[in-house]
């Protein structure tokens, strides 16, 4: 059976055993969340040996070259030594510069990192609490324009990071982990094409960044943004979106409550050969969005989606 070395310990595991499960069974402190290769909370660095990676494309080429792997997606097949991602050493320090509550259960958090972070509209990063909790959140700020990183955190449900977020104050420290995600983005080649942005809850965060990126690129096609929320009070960026709509004649903003979603989707009309759709939010909502778009004739190659997976 393979020998797995981590944190000065030697663990004997069954050949083919899942790395994350093996670490957790041995009591090795390792952060994890989605178990699907999406959140990147369970990063480990492979020092020696080789892990069988079932989802190598989940990481960037640079991360793979640095021998980072996702523990939830790897199997131990030979003698291997690893080190677990350590926010104190591997993440970028950042300070809280504002904590606002635009809706009862939504925290609008702004951080100033110790050094500038190069990112693209639509990407997300791992936020690391000093307690060791790591969770992925989409960046809502606009790259190279906003002087902060902005995040919209849903605190409506109990969760390890939501508990941390509720207690944050200006001046507190968090750390910013690995940057990932590329499904949601703005391509300048889309400039003349109709753009449909569909979000539920805080899935609005990356699409707000993408919308502003499209405006910065002087997008000429029609832009339609639909935000689905539990109730009217939960449309937490209402004023900001309506202000943009007032300035840009090609932008249409629709704020929809969940009870009206089915009717709103039934009335959706598209230009199938031209439209580009970006979807984000709870998996059930994203699936509903995608199904309606498919029935409306929009090719899958013109649909870009990012679901907020439930945490393990």
C-alpha atoms as a PDB file:
ATOM      1  CA  UNK A   1       0.000   0.000   0.000  1.00  0.00           C
ATOM      2  CA  UNK A   2       1.273   3.508  -0.801  1.00  0.00           C
ATOM      3  CA  UNK A   3       2.975   5.628   1.844  1.00  0.00           C
ATOM      4  CA  UNK A   4       1.582   9.153   2.106  1.00  0.00           C
ATOM      5  CA  UNK A   5       3.738  11.731   3.875  1.00  0.00           C
ATOM      6  CA  UNK A   6       2.213  14.986   5.108  1.00  0.00           C
ATOM      7  CA  UNK A   7       3.073  17.389   7.935  1.00  0.00           C
ATOM      8  CA  UNK A   8       5.852  15.167   9.235  1.00  0.00           C
ATOM      9  CA  UNK A   9       3.567  12.155   9.402  1.00  0.00           C
ATOM     10  CA  UNK A  10       3.598   8.950   7.414  1.00  0.00           C
ATOM     11  CA  UNK A  11       0.207   7.491   6.520  1.00  0.00           C
ATOM     12  CA  UNK A  12      -0.378   4.107   4.943  1.00  0.00           C
ATOM     13  CA  UNK A  13      -3.396   4.261   2.648  1.00  0.00           C
ATOM     14  CA  UNK A  14      -5.050   1.878   0.224  1.00  0.00           C
ATOM     15  CA  UNK A  15      -3.973   2.160  -3.392  1.00  0.00           C
ATOM     16  CA  UNK A  16      -6.491   4.279  -5.265  1.00  0.00           C
ATOM     17  CA  UNK A  17      -7.884   5.906  -2.109  1.00  0.00           C
ATOM     18  CA  UNK A  18      -9.208   9.434  -2.421  1.00  0.00           C
ATOM     19  CA  UNK A  19      -6.617  11.854  -1.060  1.00  0.00           C
ATOM     20  CA  UNK A  20      -9.051  14.179   0.732  1.00  0.00           C
ATOM     21  CA  UNK A  21     -10.829  11.272   2.454  1.00  0.00           C
ATOM     22  CA  UNK A  22      -7.482   9.785   3.485  1.00  0.00           C
ATOM     23  CA  UNK A  23      -6.327  13.069   5.019  1.00  0.00           C
ATOM     24  CA  UNK A  24      -9.592  13.627   6.884  1.00  0.00           C
ATOM     25  CA  UNK A  25      -9.629  10.062   8.251  1.00  0.00           C
ATOM     26  CA  UNK A  26      -6.108  10.601   9.580  1.00  0.00           C
ATOM     27  CA  UNK A  27      -7.114  13.855  11.280  1.00  0.00           C
ATOM     28  CA  UNK A  28      -4.957  16.038   9.038  1.00  0.00           C
ATOM     29  CA  UNK A  29      -6.418  19.581   9.056  1.00  0.00           C
ATOM     30  CA  UNK A  30      -7.346  20.334   5.450  1.00  0.00           C
ATOM     31  CA  UNK A  31     -10.005  22.764   4.280  1.00  0.00           C
ATOM     32  CA  UNK A  32     -12.672  21.507   1.902  1.00  0.00           C
ATOM     33  CA  UNK A  33     -16.065  22.585   0.664  1.00  0.00           C
ATOM     34  CA  UNK A  34     -17.740  21.420  -2.545  1.00  0.00           C
ATOM     35  CA  UNK A  35     -15.904  18.103  -3.191  1.00  0.00           C
ATOM     36  CA  UNK A  36     -16.538  18.718  -6.875  1.00  0.00           C
ATOM     37  CA  UNK A  37     -13.288  20.412  -7.894  1.00  0.00           C
ATOM     38  CA  UNK A  38     -14.927  23.830  -8.120  1.00  0.00           C
ATOM     39  CA  UNK A  39     -14.180  25.667  -4.876  1.00  0.00           C
ATOM     40  CA  UNK A  40     -10.410  24.949  -4.725  1.00  0.00           C
ATOM     41  CA  UNK A  41     -10.479  24.952  -0.916  1.00  0.00           C
ATOM     42  CA  UNK A  42      -8.657  21.606  -0.659  1.00  0.00           C
ATOM     43  CA  UNK A  43      -5.461  22.567  -2.475  1.00  0.00           C
ATOM     44  CA  UNK A  44      -2.351  20.524  -1.733  1.00  0.00           C
ATOM     45  CA  UNK A  45       1.114  20.662  -3.253  1.00  0.00           C
ATOM     46  CA  UNK A  46       2.592  17.377  -4.431  1.00  0.00           C
ATOM     47  CA  UNK A  47       6.253  17.413  -3.358  1.00  0.00           C
ATOM     48  CA  UNK A  48       7.311  13.943  -4.470  1.00  0.00           C
ATOM     49  CA  UNK A  49       5.568  11.117  -6.253  1.00  0.00           C
ATOM     50  CA  UNK A  50       2.542  11.373  -8.490  1.00  0.00           C
ATOM     51  CA  UNK A  51      -1.151  11.612  -7.688  1.00  0.00           C
ATOM     52  CA  UNK A  52      -3.825  10.324 -10.059  1.00  0.00           C
ATOM     53  CA  UNK A  53      -5.656  13.559 -10.889  1.00  0.00           C
ATOM     54  CA  UNK A  54      -9.220  12.976 -12.072  1.00  0.00           C
ATOM     55  CA  UNK A  55      -9.818  16.643 -12.925  1.00  0.00           C
ATOM     56  CA  UNK A  56      -6.537  18.276 -13.992  1.00  0.00           C
ATOM     57  CA  UNK A  57      -8.262  20.958 -16.073  1.00  0.00           C
ATOM     58  CA  UNK A  58      -9.806  22.420 -12.904  1.00  0.00           C
ATOM     59  CA  UNK A  59      -6.477  24.149 -12.235  1.00  0.00           C
ATOM     60  CA  UNK A  60      -4.504  26.575 -14.363  1.00  0.00           C
ATOM     61  CA  UNK A  61      -1.385  25.534 -16.228  1.00  0.00           C
ATOM     62  CA  UNK A  62       0.679  27.625 -13.809  1.00  0.00           C
ATOM     63  CA  UNK A  63      -0.869  25.903 -10.784  1.00  0.00           C
ATOM     64  CA  UNK A  64      -0.234  22.487 -12.273  1.00  0.00           C
ATOM     65  CA  UNK A  65       3.375  23.389 -13.045  1.00  0.00           C
ATOM     66  CA  UNK A  66       3.760  24.434  -9.396  1.00  0.00           C
ATOM     67  CA  UNK A  67       2.446  20.935  -8.534  1.00  0.00           C
ATOM     68  CA  UNK A  68      -0.762  22.134  -6.883  1.00  0.00           C
ATOM     69  CA  UNK A  69      -3.553  19.563  -6.890  1.00  0.00           C
ATOM     70  CA  UNK A  70      -7.126  19.356  -5.576  1.00  0.00           C
ATOM     71  CA  UNK A  71      -7.254  16.733  -2.848  1.00  0.00           C
ATOM     72  CA  UNK A  72     -10.910  15.911  -3.520  1.00  0.00           C
ATOM     73  CA  UNK A  73     -10.089  14.963  -7.119  1.00  0.00           C
ATOM     74  CA  UNK A  74      -6.903  12.958  -6.534  1.00  0.00           C
ATOM     75  CA  UNK A  75      -6.232   9.311  -5.766  1.00  0.00           C
ATOM     76  CA  UNK A  76      -3.090   8.022  -4.021  1.00  0.00           C
ATOM     77  CA  UNK A  77      -1.453   5.439  -6.284  1.00  0.00           C
ATOM     78  CA  UNK A  78       2.192   5.451  -5.167  1.00  0.00           C
ATOM     79  CA  UNK A  79       4.460   6.704  -2.406  1.00  0.00           C
ATOM     80  CA  UNK A  80       3.833  10.428  -2.262  1.00  0.00           C
ATOM     81  CA  UNK A  81       4.632  13.417  -0.074  1.00  0.00           C
ATOM     82  CA  UNK A  82       2.435  16.508  -0.008  1.00  0.00           C
ATOM     83  CA  UNK A  83       1.911  19.758   1.848  1.00  0.00           C
ATOM     84  CA  UNK A  84      -1.518  21.228   2.510  1.00  0.00           C
ATOM     85  CA  UNK A  85      -2.328  24.762   1.342  1.00  0.00           C
ATOM     86  CA  UNK A  86      -1.487  27.091   4.241  1.00  0.00           C
ATOM     87  CA  UNK A  87      -3.193  30.502   4.091  1.00  0.00           C
ATOM     88  CA  UNK A  88      -0.534  31.980   6.393  1.00  0.00           C
ATOM     89  CA  UNK A  89       2.155  31.227   3.798  1.00  0.00           C
ATOM     90  CA  UNK A  90       0.369  30.694   0.493  1.00  0.00           C
ATOM     91  CA  UNK A  91      -2.374  33.358   0.546  1.00  0.00           C
ATOM     92  CA  UNK A  92      -2.295  37.135   0.088  1.00  0.00           C
ATOM     93  CA  UNK A  93      -3.064  39.251   3.196  1.00  0.00           C
ATOM     94  CA  UNK A  94      -5.924  41.732   2.826  1.00  0.00           C
ATOM     95  CA  UNK A  95      -7.693  44.206   5.120  1.00  0.00           C
ATOM     96  CA  UNK A  96     -11.407  44.872   5.372  1.00  0.00           C
ATOM     97  CA  UNK A  97     -12.095  48.464   4.298  1.00  0.00           C
ATOM     98  CA  UNK A  98     -15.907  48.334   4.414  1.00  0.00           C
ATOM     99  CA  UNK A  99     -18.747  46.086   5.538  1.00  0.00           C
ATOM    100  CA  UNK A 100     -22.193  47.103   4.299  1.00  0.00           C
ATOM    101  CA  UNK A 101     -25.544  45.321   4.355  1.00  0.00           C
ATOM    102  CA  UNK A 102     -27.505  46.384   1.223  1.00  0.00           C
ATOM    103  CA  UNK A 103     -30.050  43.663   2.066  1.00  0.00           C
ATOM    104  CA  UNK A 104     -30.819  41.922   5.333  1.00  0.00           C
ATOM    105  CA  UNK A 105     -28.818  38.791   4.539  1.00  0.00           C
ATOM    106  CA  UNK A 106     -26.268  40.092   2.032  1.00  0.00           C
ATOM    107  CA  UNK A 107     -22.898  41.436   3.148  1.00  0.00           C
ATOM    108  CA  UNK A 108     -21.156  43.691   0.645  1.00  0.00           C
ATOM    109  CA  UNK A 109     -17.531  43.249   1.660  1.00  0.00           C
ATOM    110  CA  UNK A 110     -14.620  45.259   0.319  1.00  0.00           C
ATOM    111  CA  UNK A 111     -11.013  44.237   0.863  1.00  0.00           C
ATOM    112  CA  UNK A 112      -7.732  45.967   0.102  1.00  0.00           C
ATOM    113  CA  UNK A 113      -5.051  43.348  -0.607  1.00  0.00           C
ATOM    114  CA  UNK A 114      -1.446  43.846   0.441  1.00  0.00           C
ATOM    115  CA  UNK A 115      -0.531  44.018  -3.228  1.00  0.00           C
ATOM    116  CA  UNK A 116      -2.609  44.381  -6.370  1.00  0.00           C
ATOM    117  CA  UNK A 117      -4.321  41.223  -7.591  1.00  0.00           C
ATOM    118  CA  UNK A 118      -4.521  40.696 -11.338  1.00  0.00           C
ATOM    119  CA  UNK A 119      -7.897  39.194 -12.194  1.00  0.00           C
ATOM    120  CA  UNK A 120     -10.600  39.256 -14.856  1.00  0.00           C
ATOM    121  CA  UNK A 121     -14.273  40.145 -14.571  1.00  0.00           C
ATOM    122  CA  UNK A 122     -16.240  37.015 -13.691  1.00  0.00           C
ATOM    123  CA  UNK A 123     -13.479  35.196 -11.790  1.00  0.00           C
ATOM    124  CA  UNK A 124     -13.575  34.073  -8.180  1.00  0.00           C
ATOM    125  CA  UNK A 125     -11.028  33.581  -5.427  1.00  0.00           C
ATOM    126  CA  UNK A 126     -10.785  31.644  -2.200  1.00  0.00           C
ATOM    127  CA  UNK A 127     -11.342  33.809   0.873  1.00  0.00           C
ATOM    128  CA  UNK A 128      -9.431  32.481   3.866  1.00  0.00           C
ATOM    129  CA  UNK A 129     -10.394  33.344   7.429  1.00  0.00           C
ATOM    130  CA  UNK A 130      -7.648  33.331  10.050  1.00  0.00           C
ATOM    131  CA  UNK A 131      -9.535  30.471  11.706  1.00  0.00           C
ATOM    132  CA  UNK A 132      -8.702  28.300   8.687  1.00  0.00           C
ATOM    133  CA  UNK A 133     -12.107  28.362   6.977  1.00  0.00           C
ATOM    134  CA  UNK A 134     -11.737  28.703   3.198  1.00  0.00           C
ATOM    135  CA  UNK A 135     -14.599  29.396   0.796  1.00  0.00           C
ATOM    136  CA  UNK A 136     -14.762  30.562  -2.852  1.00  0.00           C
ATOM    137  CA  UNK A 137     -16.457  33.881  -3.664  1.00  0.00           C
ATOM    138  CA  UNK A 138     -16.901  35.701  -6.950  1.00  0.00           C
ATOM    139  CA  UNK A 139     -15.218  39.064  -7.339  1.00  0.00           C
ATOM    140  CA  UNK A 140     -17.809  41.801  -7.986  1.00  0.00           C
ATOM    141  CA  UNK A 141     -15.377  44.691  -8.469  1.00  0.00           C
ATOM    142  CA  UNK A 142     -14.067  45.872 -11.832  1.00  0.00           C
ATOM    143  CA  UNK A 143     -10.435  44.961 -12.620  1.00  0.00           C
ATOM    144  CA  UNK A 144      -7.966  47.846 -13.022  1.00  0.00           C
ATOM    145  CA  UNK A 145     -10.611  50.373 -11.994  1.00  0.00           C
ATOM    146  CA  UNK A 146     -11.826  49.691  -8.451  1.00  0.00           C
ATOM    147  CA  UNK A 147      -9.195  50.139  -5.756  1.00  0.00           C
ATOM    148  CA  UNK A 148     -10.620  47.257  -3.751  1.00  0.00           C
ATOM    149  CA  UNK A 149     -11.880  43.714  -4.165  1.00  0.00           C
ATOM    150  CA  UNK A 150     -15.627  43.498  -3.651  1.00  0.00           C
ATOM    151  CA  UNK A 151     -17.559  40.400  -2.603  1.00  0.00           C
ATOM    152  CA  UNK A 152     -21.274  39.781  -2.047  1.00  0.00           C
ATOM    153  CA  UNK A 153     -21.707  37.207   0.697  1.00  0.00           C
ATOM    154  CA  UNK A 154     -25.022  35.447   1.286  1.00  0.00           C
ATOM    155  CA  UNK A 155     -25.463  35.177   5.047  1.00  0.00           C
ATOM    156  CA  UNK A 156     -29.036  33.857   4.962  1.00  0.00           C
ATOM    157  CA  UNK A 157     -27.945  30.328   5.891  1.00  0.00           C
ATOM    158  CA  UNK A 158     -25.728  28.998   8.635  1.00  0.00           C
ATOM    159  CA  UNK A 159     -22.230  28.312   7.401  1.00  0.00           C
ATOM    160  CA  UNK A 160     -18.664  28.385   8.627  1.00  0.00           C
ATOM    161  CA  UNK A 161     -17.637  31.386   6.543  1.00  0.00           C
ATOM    162  CA  UNK A 162     -20.982  33.158   6.891  1.00  0.00           C
ATOM    163  CA  UNK A 163     -20.468  33.058  10.667  1.00  0.00           C
ATOM    164  CA  UNK A 164     -17.057  34.668  10.210  1.00  0.00           C
ATOM    165  CA  UNK A 165     -18.452  37.246   7.769  1.00  0.00           C
ATOM    166  CA  UNK A 166     -21.167  38.422  10.169  1.00  0.00           C
ATOM    167  CA  UNK A 167     -18.491  39.362  12.707  1.00  0.00           C
ATOM    168  CA  UNK A 168     -16.143  41.225  10.352  1.00  0.00           C
ATOM    169  CA  UNK A 169     -15.251  44.845  11.006  1.00  0.00           C
ATOM    170  CA  UNK A 170     -13.190  47.462   9.190  1.00  0.00           C
ATOM    171  CA  UNK A 171      -9.496  46.735   9.758  1.00  0.00           C
ATOM    172  CA  UNK A 172      -9.903  42.976  10.184  1.00  0.00           C
ATOM    173  CA  UNK A 173      -7.597  40.720   8.207  1.00  0.00           C
ATOM    174  CA  UNK A 174      -8.550  38.038   5.733  1.00  0.00           C
ATOM    175  CA  UNK A 175      -6.382  36.269   3.205  1.00  0.00           C
ATOM    176  CA  UNK A 176      -6.959  35.801  -0.489  1.00  0.00           C
ATOM    177  CA  UNK A 177      -6.164  32.388  -1.876  1.00  0.00           C
ATOM    178  CA  UNK A 178      -6.031  31.004  -5.369  1.00  0.00           C
ATOM    179  CA  UNK A 179      -7.729  32.829  -8.232  1.00  0.00           C
ATOM    180  CA  UNK A 180      -9.818  30.645 -10.514  1.00  0.00           C
ATOM    181  CA  UNK A 181     -12.904  30.457 -12.687  1.00  0.00           C
ATOM    182  CA  UNK A 182     -13.144  31.489 -16.316  1.00  0.00           C
ATOM    183  CA  UNK A 183     -16.637  30.414 -17.432  1.00  0.00           C
ATOM    184  CA  UNK A 184     -18.097  33.872 -16.824  1.00  0.00           C
ATOM    185  CA  UNK A 185     -16.268  36.574 -18.740  1.00  0.00           C
ATOM    186  CA  UNK A 186     -16.680  39.300 -21.325  1.00  0.00           C
ATOM    187  CA  UNK A 187     -15.205  38.838 -24.781  1.00  0.00           C
ATOM    188  CA  UNK A 188     -14.710  42.074 -26.785  1.00  0.00           C
ATOM    189  CA  UNK A 189     -15.642  40.080 -29.889  1.00  0.00           C
ATOM    190  CA  UNK A 190     -19.198  40.014 -28.514  1.00  0.00           C
ATOM    191  CA  UNK A 191     -19.442  43.801 -28.756  1.00  0.00           C
ATOM    192  CA  UNK A 192     -22.299  43.923 -31.268  1.00  0.00           C
ATOM    193  CA  UNK A 193     -24.159  40.822 -30.044  1.00  0.00           C
ATOM    194  CA  UNK A 194     -27.153  40.744 -27.659  1.00  0.00           C
ATOM    195  CA  UNK A 195     -25.954  39.943 -24.151  1.00  0.00           C
ATOM    196  CA  UNK A 196     -28.201  38.243 -21.590  1.00  0.00           C
ATOM    197  CA  UNK A 197     -27.069  38.162 -17.956  1.00  0.00           C
ATOM    198  CA  UNK A 198     -29.185  36.012 -15.615  1.00  0.00           C
ATOM    199  CA  UNK A 199     -28.465  35.833 -11.896  1.00  0.00           C
ATOM    200  CA  UNK A 200     -30.129  34.593  -8.753  1.00  0.00           C
ATOM    201  CA  UNK A 201     -29.222  35.831  -5.280  1.00  0.00           C
ATOM    202  CA  UNK A 202     -25.571  36.758  -4.893  1.00  0.00           C
ATOM    203  CA  UNK A 203     -24.912  35.142  -8.265  1.00  0.00           C
ATOM    204  CA  UNK A 204     -25.284  38.770  -9.304  1.00  0.00           C
ATOM    205  CA  UNK A 205     -21.732  39.477  -8.056  1.00  0.00           C
ATOM    206  CA  UNK A 206     -19.698  38.194 -11.042  1.00  0.00           C
ATOM    207  CA  UNK A 207     -22.296  39.382 -13.545  1.00  0.00           C
ATOM    208  CA  UNK A 208     -22.191  42.879 -12.075  1.00  0.00           C
ATOM    209  CA  UNK A 209     -18.453  42.869 -12.800  1.00  0.00           C
ATOM    210  CA  UNK A 210     -19.016  41.449 -16.305  1.00  0.00           C
ATOM    211  CA  UNK A 211     -21.703  44.074 -16.991  1.00  0.00           C
ATOM    212  CA  UNK A 212     -19.362  46.893 -16.033  1.00  0.00           C
ATOM    213  CA  UNK A 213     -16.609  45.309 -18.150  1.00  0.00           C
ATOM    214  CA  UNK A 214     -18.975  45.248 -21.132  1.00  0.00           C
ATOM    215  CA  UNK A 215     -19.818  48.918 -20.576  1.00  0.00           C
ATOM    216  CA  UNK A 216     -16.126  49.767 -20.306  1.00  0.00           C
ATOM    217  CA  UNK A 217     -15.613  48.046 -23.668  1.00  0.00           C
ATOM    218  CA  UNK A 218     -18.410  50.187 -25.139  1.00  0.00           C
ATOM    219  CA  UNK A 219     -20.672  47.201 -25.815  1.00  0.00           C
ATOM    220  CA  UNK A 220     -22.980  48.077 -28.712  1.00  0.00           C
ATOM    221  CA  UNK A 221     -25.481  45.225 -28.624  1.00  0.00           C
ATOM    222  CA  UNK A 222     -28.518  45.073 -26.370  1.00  0.00           C
ATOM    223  CA  UNK A 223     -27.756  44.044 -22.792  1.00  0.00           C
ATOM    224  CA  UNK A 224     -30.483  42.512 -20.657  1.00  0.00           C
ATOM    225  CA  UNK A 225     -29.879  41.709 -16.991  1.00  0.00           C
ATOM    226  CA  UNK A 226     -32.336  39.626 -14.966  1.00  0.00           C
ATOM    227  CA  UNK A 227     -31.864  39.329 -11.214  1.00  0.00           C
ATOM    228  CA  UNK A 228     -34.005  36.839  -9.305  1.00  0.00           C
ATOM    229  CA  UNK A 229     -34.370  37.322  -5.543  1.00  0.00           C
ATOM    230  CA  UNK A 230     -36.568  35.901  -2.788  1.00  0.00           C
ATOM    231  CA  UNK A 231     -38.490  39.160  -2.454  1.00  0.00           C
ATOM    232  CA  UNK A 232     -38.261  42.788  -3.570  1.00  0.00           C
ATOM    233  CA  UNK A 233     -36.133  43.788  -0.568  1.00  0.00           C
ATOM    234  CA  UNK A 234     -33.484  41.235  -1.594  1.00  0.00           C
ATOM    235  CA  UNK A 235     -32.630  43.053  -4.843  1.00  0.00           C
ATOM    236  CA  UNK A 236     -29.581  44.447  -3.124  1.00  0.00           C
ATOM    237  CA  UNK A 237     -28.048  46.375  -6.070  1.00  0.00           C
ATOM    238  CA  UNK A 238     -31.295  47.898  -7.277  1.00  0.00           C
ATOM    239  CA  UNK A 239     -30.085  51.517  -7.160  1.00  0.00           C
ATOM    240  CA  UNK A 240     -26.725  50.800  -8.811  1.00  0.00           C
ATOM    241  CA  UNK A 241     -28.299  48.793 -11.634  1.00  0.00           C
ATOM    242  CA  UNK A 242     -31.069  51.293 -12.257  1.00  0.00           C
ATOM    243  CA  UNK A 243     -28.483  54.100 -12.349  1.00  0.00           C
ATOM    244  CA  UNK A 244     -26.565  52.242 -15.076  1.00  0.00           C
ATOM    245  CA  UNK A 245     -29.802  51.582 -16.954  1.00  0.00           C
ATOM    246  CA  UNK A 246     -30.599  55.306 -16.911  1.00  0.00           C
ATOM    247  CA  UNK A 247     -27.235  56.135 -18.480  1.00  0.00           C
ATOM    248  CA  UNK A 248     -26.997  53.360 -21.082  1.00  0.00           C
ATOM    249  CA  UNK A 249     -29.880  53.131 -23.526  1.00  0.00           C
ATOM    250  CA  UNK A 250     -28.971  49.583 -24.615  1.00  0.00           C
ATOM    251  CA  UNK A 251     -29.240  48.216 -21.044  1.00  0.00           C
ATOM    252  CA  UNK A 252     -32.455  46.729 -19.680  1.00  0.00           C
ATOM    253  CA  UNK A 253     -32.599  45.655 -16.018  1.00  0.00           C
ATOM    254  CA  UNK A 254     -35.345  43.331 -14.789  1.00  0.00           C
ATOM    255  CA  UNK A 255     -35.745  42.608 -11.076  1.00  0.00           C
ATOM    256  CA  UNK A 256     -37.800  39.468 -10.532  1.00  0.00           C
ATOM    257  CA  UNK A 257     -39.007  37.774  -7.339  1.00  0.00           C
ATOM    258  CA  UNK A 258     -38.782  33.985  -7.194  1.00  0.00           C
ATOM    259  CA  UNK A 259     -42.550  33.492  -7.321  1.00  0.00           C
ATOM    260  CA  UNK A 260     -42.666  35.221 -10.727  1.00  0.00           C
ATOM    261  CA  UNK A 261     -39.661  33.441 -12.267  1.00  0.00           C
ATOM    262  CA  UNK A 262     -41.595  30.822 -14.263  1.00  0.00           C
ATOM    263  CA  UNK A 263     -43.775  33.446 -15.902  1.00  0.00           C
ATOM    264  CA  UNK A 264     -40.785  35.681 -16.626  1.00  0.00           C
ATOM    265  CA  UNK A 265     -38.867  32.855 -18.293  1.00  0.00           C
ATOM    266  CA  UNK A 266     -41.913  31.912 -20.386  1.00  0.00           C
ATOM    267  CA  UNK A 267     -41.949  35.434 -21.849  1.00  0.00           C
ATOM    268  CA  UNK A 268     -38.245  35.407 -22.680  1.00  0.00           C
ATOM    269  CA  UNK A 269     -37.499  36.119 -26.336  1.00  0.00           C
ATOM    270  CA  UNK A 270     -34.062  35.805 -27.926  1.00  0.00           C
ATOM    271  CA  UNK A 271     -32.153  36.138 -31.160  1.00  0.00           C
ATOM    272  CA  UNK A 272     -30.790  32.562 -30.967  1.00  0.00           C
ATOM    273  CA  UNK A 273     -28.018  32.840 -33.547  1.00  0.00           C
ATOM    274  CA  UNK A 274     -26.596  35.988 -31.997  1.00  0.00           C
ATOM    275  CA  UNK A 275     -27.313  36.077 -28.258  1.00  0.00           C
ATOM    276  CA  UNK A 276     -24.713  35.295 -25.601  1.00  0.00           C
ATOM    277  CA  UNK A 277     -26.017  34.248 -22.182  1.00  0.00           C
ATOM    278  CA  UNK A 278     -24.150  34.259 -18.861  1.00  0.00           C
ATOM    279  CA  UNK A 279     -25.832  32.529 -15.926  1.00  0.00           C
ATOM    280  CA  UNK A 280     -24.924  32.443 -12.246  1.00  0.00           C
ATOM    281  CA  UNK A 281     -26.528  31.516  -8.937  1.00  0.00           C
ATOM    282  CA  UNK A 282     -28.061  28.555  -7.147  1.00  0.00           C
ATOM    283  CA  UNK A 283     -27.828  25.337  -9.216  1.00  0.00           C
ATOM    284  CA  UNK A 284     -31.626  25.005  -9.429  1.00  0.00           C
ATOM    285  CA  UNK A 285     -31.972  28.506 -10.832  1.00  0.00           C
ATOM    286  CA  UNK A 286     -29.087  28.096 -13.249  1.00  0.00           C
ATOM    287  CA  UNK A 287     -30.644  24.852 -14.501  1.00  0.00           C
ATOM    288  CA  UNK A 288     -33.996  26.611 -14.992  1.00  0.00           C
ATOM    289  CA  UNK A 289     -32.290  29.446 -16.874  1.00  0.00           C
ATOM    290  CA  UNK A 290     -30.344  27.055 -19.096  1.00  0.00           C
ATOM    291  CA  UNK A 291     -33.371  24.875 -19.858  1.00  0.00           C
ATOM    292  CA  UNK A 292     -35.445  27.852 -20.959  1.00  0.00           C
ATOM    293  CA  UNK A 293     -32.629  29.199 -23.131  1.00  0.00           C
ATOM    294  CA  UNK A 294     -32.156  25.805 -24.762  1.00  0.00           C
ATOM    295  CA  UNK A 295     -35.882  25.549 -25.506  1.00  0.00           C
ATOM    296  CA  UNK A 296     -35.731  29.062 -26.945  1.00  0.00           C
ATOM    297  CA  UNK A 297     -33.142  27.802 -29.439  1.00  0.00           C
ATOM    298  CA  UNK A 298     -29.930  29.171 -27.933  1.00  0.00           C
ATOM    299  CA  UNK A 299     -26.998  26.821 -28.711  1.00  0.00           C
ATOM    300  CA  UNK A 300     -25.136  25.470 -25.687  1.00  0.00           C
ATOM    301  CA  UNK A 301     -21.927  26.980 -27.064  1.00  0.00           C
ATOM    302  CA  UNK A 302     -23.447  30.421 -26.469  1.00  0.00           C
ATOM    303  CA  UNK A 303     -24.371  29.725 -22.835  1.00  0.00           C
ATOM    304  CA  UNK A 304     -21.776  30.276 -20.077  1.00  0.00           C
ATOM    305  CA  UNK A 305     -22.762  29.222 -16.564  1.00  0.00           C
ATOM    306  CA  UNK A 306     -21.361  29.114 -13.044  1.00  0.00           C
ATOM    307  CA  UNK A 307     -23.394  27.474 -10.273  1.00  0.00           C
ATOM    308  CA  UNK A 308     -22.819  28.251  -6.608  1.00  0.00           C
ATOM    309  CA  UNK A 309     -22.411  24.722  -5.306  1.00  0.00           C
ATOM    310  CA  UNK A 310     -23.665  23.876  -1.799  1.00  0.00           C
ATOM    311  CA  UNK A 311     -20.857  23.413   0.695  1.00  0.00           C
ATOM    312  CA  UNK A 312     -20.085  19.956   2.012  1.00  0.00           C
END
